[in-house]
Amino acid sequence: MKKLITVFLFCFVSIQVFSQTQKKVSTYLLAQYNKTLYDYTMGNNPWGAGLGLQSTFNSDTKFKSAIEFTVDIYLENDKILRLNPDGSVFKDVRSMINFFAGSSFYPSQNIYLSFIAGPSFIGEQILLGVKPSLGFYFSKDQKWMGKVSYINIFNRTEIGDKDFGSLSLALGLKLF
């Protein structure tokens, strides 16, 4: 059922993104650092780093559609084996792939707020994730951008329905 909801949400957001009038697309290459805020195996994945692409479909309004694809790896590990209540080994987060889509609001030319959501792939799991962000551009030509985001991946474990959450700091370079 979770997979069905995730696929439905992704399709709905994608239809909204591609049905709007497009004048221009802005795409950024992102380098990001993720600090794990909470997780069932937080000691096994306290931080991660990754790359991504963010595209914004420009329009004449303050609201713009956005999509983002990121891949993160979690290298640090406290080497503690964590078990499920049934004695099986619980898998920690070694990598995370996110494909999110949503909307951005630009109150000014150099600052934006965005809310994107979609499927997140952690190991063999496909989970629903959300990512609200505060972004800013370093100059008027918008060549470089920075972004602070909160990532929440819902129901990573069935033990108490625990989520995975992290704080993400990203730096982006405009490709086109």
Protein backbone atom coordinates (compact mmCIF):
# COMPACT_ATOMS: atom_id res chain seq x y z
CA MET A 1 0.00 0.00 0.00
CA LYS A 2 2.90 2.36 0.81
CA LYS A 3 4.37 1.81 -2.65
CA LEU A 4 1.02 2.52 -4.29
CA ILE A 5 0.61 5.79 -2.38
CA THR A 6 4.18 6.82 -3.26
CA VAL A 7 3.70 6.08 -6.97
CA PHE A 8 0.32 7.88 -7.04
CA LEU A 9 1.78 10.97 -5.33
CA PHE A 10 4.74 11.01 -7.72
CA CYS A 11 2.48 10.72 -10.79
CA PHE A 12 0.16 13.46 -9.55
CA VAL A 13 3.03 15.89 -8.88
CA SER A 14 4.69 15.04 -12.22
CA ILE A 15 1.49 15.80 -14.13
CA GLN A 16 1.30 19.18 -12.41
CA VAL A 17 4.96 19.93 -13.17
CA PHE A 18 4.79 19.15 -16.89
CA SER A 19 1.35 20.60 -17.57
CA GLN A 20 2.38 24.17 -16.86
CA THR A 21 3.64 26.60 -19.46
CA GLN A 22 7.41 26.44 -19.59
CA LYS A 23 9.50 29.40 -20.68
CA LYS A 24 12.85 28.30 -19.35
CA VAL A 25 14.37 25.60 -17.18
CA SER A 26 17.10 26.35 -14.62
CA THR A 27 19.19 23.34 -13.61
CA TYR A 28 21.76 23.21 -10.80
CA LEU A 29 24.38 20.63 -9.92
CA LEU A 30 24.26 20.18 -6.14
CA ALA A 31 26.88 18.99 -3.67
CA GLN A 32 25.33 18.31 -0.29
CA TYR A 33 26.03 17.25 3.28
CA ASN A 34 23.33 15.49 5.33
CA LYS A 35 23.40 15.34 9.13
CA THR A 36 21.13 12.60 10.49
CA LEU A 37 18.74 14.03 13.09
CA TYR A 38 16.87 10.83 13.99
CA ASP A 39 16.80 7.21 12.86
CA TYR A 40 16.54 3.74 14.35
CA THR A 41 20.21 3.13 13.41
CA MET A 42 21.47 6.70 13.83
CA GLY A 43 24.88 5.57 15.13
CA ASN A 44 25.43 3.57 11.96
CA ASN A 45 24.70 6.55 9.68
CA PRO A 46 25.36 9.85 11.51
CA TRP A 47 26.11 11.83 8.33
CA GLY A 48 26.24 11.49 4.57
CA ALA A 49 27.36 13.34 1.47
CA GLY A 50 26.12 13.32 -2.08
CA LEU A 51 25.39 14.91 -5.41
CA GLY A 52 22.18 15.91 -7.11
CA LEU A 53 20.39 17.84 -9.82
CA GLN A 54 17.69 20.42 -9.18
CA SER A 55 15.57 21.83 -11.99
CA THR A 56 13.13 24.71 -11.72
CA PHE A 57 10.56 25.39 -14.40
CA ASN A 58 10.42 29.16 -14.57
CA SER A 59 7.14 31.02 -14.94
CA ASP A 60 5.90 34.59 -14.59
CA THR A 61 4.45 33.90 -11.14
CA LYS A 62 6.13 33.63 -7.75
CA PHE A 63 5.31 29.90 -7.71
CA LYS A 64 7.50 27.63 -9.84
CA SER A 65 7.53 23.88 -10.30
CA ALA A 66 10.66 22.02 -9.25
CA ILE A 67 12.12 18.53 -9.45
CA GLU A 68 15.18 17.18 -7.71
CA PHE A 69 17.23 14.00 -7.99
CA THR A 70 19.86 13.30 -5.30
CA VAL A 71 22.14 10.41 -4.39
CA ASP A 72 23.75 10.32 -0.94
CA ILE A 73 26.13 7.85 0.69
CA TYR A 74 26.63 7.37 4.43
CA LEU A 75 30.22 6.40 5.13
CA GLU A 76 30.65 6.65 8.91
CA ASN A 77 29.56 3.77 11.11
CA ASP A 78 29.87 3.10 14.87
CA LYS A 79 30.28 -0.66 14.20
CA ILE A 80 27.43 -1.66 16.52
CA LEU A 81 25.14 -4.45 15.36
CA ARG A 82 21.49 -3.56 15.84
CA LEU A 83 18.84 -6.27 15.92
CA ASN A 84 15.10 -6.33 15.38
CA PRO A 85 12.94 -7.69 18.22
CA ASP A 86 12.78 -11.04 16.38
CA GLY A 87 16.61 -11.31 16.40
CA SER A 88 17.16 -10.48 12.73
CA VAL A 89 19.76 -7.89 11.73
CA PHE A 90 18.37 -4.42 11.07
CA LYS A 91 19.82 -2.77 7.99
CA ASP A 92 21.33 0.66 8.40
CA VAL A 93 21.31 3.43 5.81
CA ARG A 94 24.29 3.01 3.47
CA SER A 95 22.86 5.09 0.63
CA MET A 96 19.73 7.05 -0.20
CA ILE A 97 18.36 8.02 -3.61
CA ASN A 98 15.61 10.65 -3.75
CA PHE A 99 13.46 11.70 -6.69
CA PHE A 100 11.28 14.55 -5.47
CA ALA A 101 8.96 16.98 -7.23
CA GLY A 102 6.90 19.91 -5.99
CA SER A 103 6.71 23.67 -5.93
CA SER A 104 8.91 26.62 -5.03
CA PHE A 105 7.79 30.05 -3.85
CA TYR A 106 9.99 33.06 -4.65
CA PRO A 107 9.17 36.01 -2.34
CA SER A 108 12.17 37.86 -3.84
CA GLN A 109 14.62 37.34 -6.67
CA ASN A 110 17.36 35.86 -4.44
CA ILE A 111 15.38 33.78 -1.89
CA TYR A 112 12.97 30.89 -2.30
CA LEU A 113 11.02 28.40 -0.21
CA SER A 114 10.23 24.99 -1.62
CA PHE A 115 8.28 21.91 -0.69
CA ILE A 116 8.97 18.77 -2.67
CA ALA A 117 8.00 15.14 -2.09
CA GLY A 118 8.30 11.75 -3.72
CA PRO A 119 9.91 8.33 -3.55
CA SER A 120 13.07 7.71 -1.58
CA PHE A 121 15.08 4.54 -2.12
CA ILE A 122 16.93 3.27 0.96
CA GLY A 123 18.39 -0.19 0.38
CA GLU A 124 15.58 -2.36 -0.96
CA GLN A 125 12.90 -0.08 0.50
CA ILE A 126 10.88 2.46 -1.49
CA LEU A 127 9.52 5.02 0.95
CA LEU A 128 7.70 8.35 0.83
CA GLY A 129 9.83 11.38 1.63
CA VAL A 130 9.31 15.13 1.96
CA LYS A 131 11.85 17.92 1.72
CA PRO A 132 10.97 21.51 2.66
CA SER A 133 13.84 23.91 1.89
CA LEU A 134 15.04 27.49 2.18
CA GLY A 135 17.22 28.45 -0.77
CA PHE A 136 19.16 31.55 -1.68
CA TYR A 137 21.28 32.82 -4.55
CA PHE A 138 24.67 34.42 -3.97
CA SER A 139 24.33 36.93 -6.81
CA LYS A 140 21.74 38.45 -9.14
CA ASP A 141 22.83 36.27 -12.07
CA GLN A 142 21.93 33.21 -9.92
CA LYS A 143 25.07 31.28 -10.94
CA TRP A 144 25.67 29.89 -7.42
CA MET A 145 23.02 28.93 -4.89
CA GLY A 146 22.84 27.57 -1.37
CA LYS A 147 20.08 25.60 0.27
CA VAL A 148 19.16 24.40 3.76
CA SER A 149 16.66 21.51 3.81
CA TYR A 150 14.94 19.18 6.20
CA ILE A 151 14.42 15.65 4.84
CA ASN A 152 11.89 13.28 6.40
CA ILE A 153 11.49 9.74 5.11
CA PHE A 154 8.31 8.20 6.52
CA ASN A 155 8.10 4.79 8.19
CA ARG A 156 11.63 3.56 7.61
CA THR A 157 11.07 0.92 10.28
CA GLU A 158 7.96 -0.99 11.18
CA ILE A 159 9.16 -1.01 14.78
CA GLY A 160 7.13 1.88 16.16
CA ASP A 161 6.74 3.42 12.68
CA LYS A 162 10.01 5.32 13.06
CA ASP A 163 10.98 7.86 10.44
CA PHE A 164 14.40 8.85 9.12
CA GLY A 165 15.20 12.56 9.30
CA SER A 166 18.17 14.69 8.36
CA LEU A 167 19.29 18.27 7.91
CA SER A 168 20.81 18.93 4.50
CA LEU A 169 23.17 21.73 3.46
CA ALA A 170 23.72 22.09 -0.29
CA LEU A 171 25.77 24.24 -2.61
CA GLY A 172 24.72 24.44 -6.25
CA LEU A 173 26.29 25.55 -9.54
CA LYS A 174 24.00 26.54 -12.40
CA LEU A 175 24.43 24.29 -15.43
CA PHE A 176 21.84 25.99 -17.67
